[in-house]
Amino acid sequence: MIVRVGVGDIAKELEIEMKSETSVKEVKELIESALNGEVAVLWLSDKDGRQVGVPVSRITYVDIGTETVPKIGFGA
C-alpha cells in the first residue's frame, strides 16, 4: 500500500510504501489519532523499516492507495 502525505507549502508530496502486512484500517487509525491532536508528529514505517515523521500541523492531505502493477506492452 502507498500512503501519500501533502506537507505544508511543499509542492511535492511524501510517498511512503508501507509494509505488505499493514492494513488500511491501521493506517487510518494512526492518521486520525494524529489529526485529533493525540500526537504532534505522525510517524509511519515504510517497507524497509525506515521511520518517516511528519509534523501534524503541516499535513495538508493524506491519500491511501494500493500498489499499482506496472503495465508492460503497447497501450500501457
PDB file of N, CA and C in Angstrom:
ATOM      1  N   MET A   1       0.844  -1.160   0.000  1.00  0.00           N
ATOM      2  CA  MET A   1       0.000   0.000   0.000  1.00  0.00           C
ATOM      3  C   MET A   1       0.898   1.235   0.000  1.00  0.00           C
ATOM      4  N   ILE A   2       0.468   2.241  -0.723  1.00  0.00           N
ATOM      5  CA  ILE A   2       1.196   3.501  -0.811  1.00  0.00           C
ATOM      6  C   ILE A   2       0.411   4.570  -0.048  1.00  0.00           C
ATOM      7  N   VAL A   3       1.099   5.313   0.805  1.00  0.00           N
ATOM      8  CA  VAL A   3       0.495   6.439   1.523  1.00  0.00           C
ATOM      9  C   VAL A   3       1.188   7.701   1.044  1.00  0.00           C
ATOM     10  N   ARG A   4       0.401   8.653   0.566  1.00  0.00           N
ATOM     11  CA  ARG A   4       0.936   9.942   0.119  1.00  0.00           C
ATOM     12  C   ARG A   4       0.463  11.019   1.096  1.00  0.00           C
ATOM     13  N   VAL A   5       1.403  11.854   1.523  1.00  0.00           N
ATOM     14  CA  VAL A   5       1.094  12.899   2.500  1.00  0.00           C
ATOM     15  C   VAL A   5       1.517  14.238   1.922  1.00  0.00           C
ATOM     16  N   GLY A   6       0.567  15.167   1.843  1.00  0.00           N
ATOM     17  CA  GLY A   6       0.880  16.534   1.448  1.00  0.00           C
ATOM     18  C   GLY A   6       1.359  17.292   2.672  1.00  0.00           C
ATOM     19  N   VAL A   7       2.457  18.036   2.515  1.00  0.00           N
ATOM     20  CA  VAL A   7       3.057  18.730   3.655  1.00  0.00           C
ATOM     21  C   VAL A   7       3.184  20.212   3.350  1.00  0.00           C
ATOM     22  N   GLY A   8       2.486  21.034   4.137  1.00  0.00           N
ATOM     23  CA  GLY A   8       2.609  22.486   4.068  1.00  0.00           C
ATOM     24  C   GLY A   8       2.610  23.062   2.674  1.00  0.00           C
ATOM     25  N   ASP A   9       3.583  23.926   2.416  1.00  0.00           N
ATOM     26  CA  ASP A   9       3.676  24.617   1.136  1.00  0.00           C
ATOM     27  C   ASP A   9       4.606  23.913   0.165  1.00  0.00           C
ATOM     28  N   ILE A  10       4.949  22.683   0.445  1.00  0.00           N
ATOM     29  CA  ILE A  10       5.848  21.924  -0.422  1.00  0.00           C
ATOM     30  C   ILE A  10       5.039  21.348  -1.577  1.00  0.00           C
ATOM     31  N   ALA A  11       5.501  21.568  -2.801  1.00  0.00           N
ATOM     32  CA  ALA A  11       4.762  21.120  -3.979  1.00  0.00           C
ATOM     33  C   ALA A  11       4.759  19.603  -4.119  1.00  0.00           C
ATOM     34  N   LYS A  12       5.841  18.965  -3.720  1.00  0.00           N
ATOM     35  CA  LYS A  12       5.941  17.514  -3.863  1.00  0.00           C
ATOM     36  C   LYS A  12       5.435  16.826  -2.599  1.00  0.00           C
ATOM     37  N   GLU A  13       4.663  15.763  -2.786  1.00  0.00           N
ATOM     38  CA  GLU A  13       4.135  15.031  -1.649  1.00  0.00           C
ATOM     39  C   GLU A  13       5.119  13.959  -1.190  1.00  0.00           C
ATOM     40  N   LEU A  14       4.977  13.537   0.071  1.00  0.00           N
ATOM     41  CA  LEU A  14       5.749  12.400   0.565  1.00  0.00           C
ATOM     42  C   LEU A  14       5.032  11.141   0.120  1.00  0.00           C
ATOM     43  N   GLU A  15       5.772  10.179  -0.397  1.00  0.00           N
ATOM     44  CA  GLU A  15       5.183   8.905  -0.812  1.00  0.00           C
ATOM     45  C   GLU A  15       5.876   7.801  -0.030  1.00  0.00           C
ATOM     46  N   ILE A  16       5.096   7.064   0.746  1.00  0.00           N
ATOM     47  CA  ILE A  16       5.642   6.035   1.621  1.00  0.00           C
ATOM     48  C   ILE A  16       5.018   4.701   1.249  1.00  0.00           C
ATOM     49  N   GLU A  17       5.862   3.741   0.885  1.00  0.00           N
ATOM     50  CA  GLU A  17       5.382   2.400   0.599  1.00  0.00           C
ATOM     51  C   GLU A  17       5.399   1.609   1.897  1.00  0.00           C
ATOM     52  N   MET A  18       4.220   1.245   2.352  1.00  0.00           N
ATOM     53  CA  MET A  18       4.076   0.572   3.640  1.00  0.00           C
ATOM     54  C   MET A  18       4.399  -0.911   3.514  1.00  0.00           C
ATOM     55  N   LYS A  19       4.630  -1.553   4.655  1.00  0.00           N
ATOM     56  CA  LYS A  19       4.852  -2.995   4.686  1.00  0.00           C
ATOM     57  C   LYS A  19       3.607  -3.696   4.172  1.00  0.00           C
ATOM     58  N   SER A  20       3.783  -4.833   3.540  1.00  0.00           N
ATOM     59  CA  SER A  20       2.650  -5.538   2.936  1.00  0.00           C
ATOM     60  C   SER A  20       1.607  -5.972   3.971  1.00  0.00           C
ATOM     61  N   GLU A  21       2.036  -6.213   5.204  1.00  0.00           N
ATOM     62  CA  GLU A  21       1.086  -6.664   6.225  1.00  0.00           C
ATOM     63  C   GLU A  21       0.329  -5.510   6.901  1.00  0.00           C
ATOM     64  N   THR A  22       0.638  -4.277   6.539  1.00  0.00           N
ATOM     65  CA  THR A  22      -0.035  -3.118   7.121  1.00  0.00           C
ATOM     66  C   THR A  22      -1.432  -2.998   6.536  1.00  0.00           C
ATOM     67  N   SER A  23      -2.430  -2.833   7.396  1.00  0.00           N
ATOM     68  CA  SER A  23      -3.809  -2.714   6.926  1.00  0.00           C
ATOM     69  C   SER A  23      -4.202  -1.249   6.763  1.00  0.00           C
ATOM     70  N   VAL A  24      -5.181  -1.017   5.897  1.00  0.00           N
ATOM     71  CA  VAL A  24      -5.701   0.336   5.686  1.00  0.00           C
ATOM     72  C   VAL A  24      -6.285   0.857   6.994  1.00  0.00           C
ATOM     73  N   LYS A  25      -6.978   0.007   7.716  1.00  0.00           N
ATOM     74  CA  LYS A  25      -7.583   0.404   8.993  1.00  0.00           C
ATOM     75  C   LYS A  25      -6.520   0.900   9.965  1.00  0.00           C
ATOM     76  N   GLU A  26      -5.408   0.195  10.041  1.00  0.00           N
ATOM     77  CA  GLU A  26      -4.311   0.566  10.942  1.00  0.00           C
ATOM     78  C   GLU A  26      -3.745   1.945  10.576  1.00  0.00           C
ATOM     79  N   VAL A  27      -3.541   2.184   9.289  1.00  0.00           N
ATOM     80  CA  VAL A  27      -3.005   3.468   8.833  1.00  0.00           C
ATOM     81  C   VAL A  27      -3.999   4.587   9.112  1.00  0.00           C
ATOM     82  N   LYS A  28      -5.275   4.346   8.845  1.00  0.00           N
ATOM     83  CA  LYS A  28      -6.299   5.360   9.117  1.00  0.00           C
ATOM     84  C   LYS A  28      -6.343   5.721  10.601  1.00  0.00           C
ATOM     85  N   GLU A  29      -6.225   4.721  11.468  1.00  0.00           N
ATOM     86  CA  GLU A  29      -6.245   4.978  12.910  1.00  0.00           C
ATOM     87  C   GLU A  29      -5.060   5.833  13.338  1.00  0.00           C
ATOM     88  N   LEU A  30      -3.873   5.556  12.780  1.00  0.00           N
ATOM     89  CA  LEU A  30      -2.688   6.366  13.089  1.00  0.00           C
ATOM     90  C   LEU A  30      -2.893   7.811  12.663  1.00  0.00           C
ATOM     91  N   ILE A  31      -3.410   7.994  11.456  1.00  0.00           N
ATOM     92  CA  ILE A  31      -3.611   9.343  10.910  1.00  0.00           C
ATOM     93  C   ILE A  31      -4.681  10.088  11.694  1.00  0.00           C
ATOM     94  N   GLU A  32      -5.799   9.426  11.972  1.00  0.00           N
ATOM     95  CA  GLU A  32      -6.877  10.071  12.709  1.00  0.00           C
ATOM     96  C   GLU A  32      -6.451  10.473  14.115  1.00  0.00           C
ATOM     97  N   SER A  33      -5.685   9.618  14.787  1.00  0.00           N
ATOM     98  CA  SER A  33      -5.239   9.976  16.139  1.00  0.00           C
ATOM     99  C   SER A  33      -4.288  11.167  16.094  1.00  0.00           C
ATOM    100  N   ALA A  34      -3.460  11.233  15.059  1.00  0.00           N
ATOM    101  CA  ALA A  34      -2.555  12.377  14.918  1.00  0.00           C
ATOM    102  C   ALA A  34      -3.350  13.658  14.649  1.00  0.00           C
ATOM    103  N   LEU A  35      -4.309  13.588  13.738  1.00  0.00           N
ATOM    104  CA  LEU A  35      -5.083  14.782  13.393  1.00  0.00           C
ATOM    105  C   LEU A  35      -6.010  15.222  14.516  1.00  0.00           C
ATOM    106  N   ASN A  36      -6.347  14.313  15.422  1.00  0.00           N
ATOM    107  CA  ASN A  36      -7.170  14.663  16.581  1.00  0.00           C
ATOM    108  C   ASN A  36      -6.354  15.279  17.711  1.00  0.00           C
ATOM    109  N   GLY A  37      -5.046  15.468  17.486  1.00  0.00           N
ATOM    110  CA  GLY A  37      -4.207  16.139  18.472  1.00  0.00           C
ATOM    111  C   GLY A  37      -3.591  15.231  19.516  1.00  0.00           C
ATOM    112  N   GLU A  38      -3.679  13.917  19.310  1.00  0.00           N
ATOM    113  CA  GLU A  38      -3.131  12.995  20.293  1.00  0.00           C
ATOM    114  C   GLU A  38      -1.604  12.933  20.250  1.00  0.00           C
ATOM    115  N   VAL A  39      -1.014  13.254  19.099  1.00  0.00           N
ATOM    116  CA  VAL A  39       0.442  13.300  18.954  1.00  0.00           C
ATOM    117  C   VAL A  39       0.807  14.516  18.109  1.00  0.00           C
ATOM    118  N   ALA A  40       2.046  14.999  18.244  1.00  0.00           N
ATOM    119  CA  ALA A  40       2.482  16.164  17.479  1.00  0.00           C
ATOM    120  C   ALA A  40       3.127  15.781  16.147  1.00  0.00           C
ATOM    121  N   VAL A  41       3.622  14.531  16.065  1.00  0.00           N
ATOM    122  CA  VAL A  41       4.294  14.059  14.850  1.00  0.00           C
ATOM    123  C   VAL A  41       3.671  12.731  14.439  1.00  0.00           C
ATOM    124  N   LEU A  42       3.303  12.629  13.173  1.00  0.00           N
ATOM    125  CA  LEU A  42       2.804  11.374  12.617  1.00  0.00           C
ATOM    126  C   LEU A  42       4.003  10.561  12.155  1.00  0.00           C
ATOM    127  N   TRP A  43       4.212   9.404  12.774  1.00  0.00           N
ATOM    128  CA  TRP A  43       5.328   8.524  12.410  1.00  0.00           C
ATOM    129  C   TRP A  43       4.785   7.331  11.661  1.00  0.00           C
ATOM    130  N   LEU A  44       5.337   7.074  10.472  1.00  0.00           N
ATOM    131  CA  LEU A  44       4.981   5.911   9.671  1.00  0.00           C
ATOM    132  C   LEU A  44       6.248   5.137   9.343  1.00  0.00           C
ATOM    133  N   SER A  45       6.139   3.806   9.301  1.00  0.00           N
ATOM    134  CA  SER A  45       7.277   2.956   8.944  1.00  0.00           C
ATOM    135  C   SER A  45       7.081   2.445   7.530  1.00  0.00           C
ATOM    136  N   ASP A  46       8.104   2.601   6.693  1.00  0.00           N
ATOM    137  CA  ASP A  46       7.985   2.112   5.324  1.00  0.00           C
ATOM    138  C   ASP A  46       8.344   0.631   5.248  1.00  0.00           C
ATOM    139  N   LYS A  47       8.287   0.076   4.050  1.00  0.00           N
ATOM    140  CA  LYS A  47       8.502  -1.364   3.858  1.00  0.00           C
ATOM    141  C   LYS A  47       9.899  -1.814   4.240  1.00  0.00           C
ATOM    142  N   ASP A  48      10.865  -0.883   4.255  1.00  0.00           N
ATOM    143  CA  ASP A  48      12.243  -1.214   4.614  1.00  0.00           C
ATOM    144  C   ASP A  48      12.547  -0.948   6.082  1.00  0.00           C
ATOM    145  N   GLY A  49      11.533  -0.535   6.851  1.00  0.00           N
ATOM    146  CA  GLY A  49      11.716  -0.287   8.273  1.00  0.00           C
ATOM    147  C   GLY A  49      12.153   1.127   8.619  1.00  0.00           C
ATOM    148  N   ARG A  50      12.292   1.988   7.604  1.00  0.00           N
ATOM    149  CA  ARG A  50      12.659   3.382   7.888  1.00  0.00           C
ATOM    150  C   ARG A  50      11.471   4.102   8.503  1.00  0.00           C
ATOM    151  N   GLN A  51      11.758   4.994   9.429  1.00  0.00           N
ATOM    152  CA  GLN A  51      10.725   5.788  10.087  1.00  0.00           C
ATOM    153  C   GLN A  51      10.635   7.152   9.411  1.00  0.00           C
ATOM    154  N   VAL A  52       9.417   7.558   9.066  1.00  0.00           N
ATOM    155  CA  VAL A  52       9.187   8.855   8.449  1.00  0.00           C
ATOM    156  C   VAL A  52       8.278   9.637   9.382  1.00  0.00           C
ATOM    157  N   GLY A  53       8.730  10.816   9.800  1.00  0.00           N
ATOM    158  CA  GLY A  53       7.950  11.650  10.704  1.00  0.00           C
ATOM    159  C   GLY A  53       7.488  12.921  10.017  1.00  0.00           C
ATOM    160  N   VAL A  54       6.208  13.247  10.191  1.00  0.00           N
ATOM    161  CA  VAL A  54       5.634  14.458   9.602  1.00  0.00           C
ATOM    162  C   VAL A  54       4.958  15.244  10.717  1.00  0.00           C
ATOM    163  N   PRO A  55       5.327  16.519  10.896  1.00  0.00           N
ATOM    164  CA  PRO A  55       4.633  17.329  11.903  1.00  0.00           C
ATOM    165  C   PRO A  55       3.146  17.433  11.539  1.00  0.00           C
ATOM    166  N   VAL A  56       2.295  17.083  12.463  1.00  0.00           N
ATOM    167  CA  VAL A  56       0.860  17.049  12.205  1.00  0.00           C
ATOM    168  C   VAL A  56       0.339  18.420  11.763  1.00  0.00           C
ATOM    169  N   SER A  57       0.888  19.481  12.311  1.00  0.00           N
ATOM    170  CA  SER A  57       0.423  20.826  11.966  1.00  0.00           C
ATOM    171  C   SER A  57       0.702  21.192  10.513  1.00  0.00           C
ATOM    172  N   ARG A  58       1.574  20.444   9.835  1.00  0.00           N
ATOM    173  CA  ARG A  58       1.945  20.729   8.441  1.00  0.00           C
ATOM    174  C   ARG A  58       1.237  19.828   7.435  1.00  0.00           C
ATOM    175  N   ILE A  59       0.461  18.835   7.896  1.00  0.00           N
ATOM    176  CA  ILE A  59      -0.220  17.912   6.989  1.00  0.00           C
ATOM    177  C   ILE A  59      -1.378  18.633   6.306  1.00  0.00           C
ATOM    178  N   THR A  60      -1.390  18.585   4.966  1.00  0.00           N
ATOM    179  CA  THR A  60      -2.477  19.210   4.218  1.00  0.00           C
ATOM    180  C   THR A  60      -3.457  18.172   3.680  1.00  0.00           C
ATOM    181  N   TYR A  61      -2.984  16.976   3.348  1.00  0.00           N
ATOM    182  CA  TYR A  61      -3.863  15.893   2.931  1.00  0.00           C
ATOM    183  C   TYR A  61      -3.137  14.560   3.050  1.00  0.00           C
ATOM    184  N   VAL A  62      -3.930  13.490   3.058  1.00  0.00           N
ATOM    185  CA  VAL A  62      -3.381  12.139   3.081  1.00  0.00           C
ATOM    186  C   VAL A  62      -4.150  11.318   2.051  1.00  0.00           C
ATOM    187  N   ASP A  63      -3.405  10.578   1.227  1.00  0.00           N
ATOM    188  CA  ASP A  63      -4.000   9.723   0.202  1.00  0.00           C
ATOM    189  C   ASP A  63      -3.510   8.302   0.474  1.00  0.00           C
ATOM    190  N   ILE A  64      -4.449   7.393   0.711  1.00  0.00           N
ATOM    191  CA  ILE A  64      -4.102   5.996   0.943  1.00  0.00           C
ATOM    192  C   ILE A  64      -4.533   5.219  -0.286  1.00  0.00           C
ATOM    193  N   GLY A  65      -3.568   4.595  -0.950  1.00  0.00           N
ATOM    194  CA  GLY A  65      -3.877   3.847  -2.166  1.00  0.00           C
ATOM    195  C   GLY A  65      -3.224   2.490  -2.150  1.00  0.00           C
ATOM    196  N   THR A  66      -3.580   1.704  -3.132  1.00  0.00           N
ATOM    197  CA  THR A  66      -2.970   0.390  -3.265  1.00  0.00           C
ATOM    198  C   THR A  66      -1.828   0.475  -4.252  1.00  0.00           C
ATOM    199  N   GLU A  67      -0.981  -0.521  -4.216  1.00  0.00           N
ATOM    200  CA  GLU A  67       0.130  -0.567  -5.161  1.00  0.00           C
ATOM    201  C   GLU A  67      -0.424  -0.797  -6.555  1.00  0.00           C
ATOM    202  N   THR A  68       0.184  -0.169  -7.520  1.00  0.00           N
ATOM    203  CA  THR A  68      -0.232  -0.391  -8.895  1.00  0.00           C
ATOM    204  C   THR A  68       0.798  -1.283  -9.569  1.00  0.00           C
ATOM    205  N   VAL A  69       0.316  -2.213 -10.344  1.00  0.00           N
ATOM    206  CA  VAL A  69       1.196  -3.117 -11.072  1.00  0.00           C
ATOM    207  C   VAL A  69       1.569  -2.439 -12.382  1.00  0.00           C
ATOM    208  N   PRO A  70       2.852  -2.283 -12.664  1.00  0.00           N
ATOM    209  CA  PRO A  70       3.229  -1.618 -13.894  1.00  0.00           C
ATOM    210  C   PRO A  70       2.738  -2.388 -15.112  1.00  0.00           C
ATOM    211  N   LYS A  71       2.223  -1.639 -16.088  1.00  0.00           N
ATOM    212  CA  LYS A  71       1.758  -2.257 -17.326  1.00  0.00           C
ATOM    213  C   LYS A  71       2.907  -2.375 -18.293  1.00  0.00           C
ATOM    214  N   ILE A  72       2.943  -3.478 -18.981  1.00  0.00           N
ATOM    215  CA  ILE A  72       4.016  -3.708 -19.945  1.00  0.00           C
ATOM    216  C   ILE A  72       3.386  -3.977 -21.300  1.00  0.00           C
ATOM    217  N   GLY A  73       3.945  -3.350 -22.326  1.00  0.00           N
ATOM    218  CA  GLY A  73       3.443  -3.619 -23.680  1.00  0.00           C
ATOM    219  C   GLY A  73       2.837  -2.384 -24.305  1.00  0.00           C
ATOM    220  N   PHE A  74       2.203  -2.586 -25.424  1.00  0.00           N
ATOM    221  CA  PHE A  74       1.597  -1.470 -26.152  1.00  0.00           C
ATOM    222  C   PHE A  74       0.339  -0.996 -25.451  1.00  0.00           C
ATOM    223  N   GLY A  75       0.125   0.300 -25.505  1.00  0.00           N
ATOM    224  CA  GLY A  75      -1.050   0.885 -24.884  1.00  0.00           C
ATOM    225  C   GLY A  75      -0.930   1.033 -23.388  1.00  0.00           C
ATOM    226  N   ALA A  76       0.261   0.876 -22.851  1.00  0.00           N
ATOM    227  CA  ALA A  76       0.443   0.979 -21.403  1.00  0.00           C
ATOM    228  C   ALA A  76       0.379   2.418 -20.949  1.00  0.00           C
TER     229      ALA A  76
END
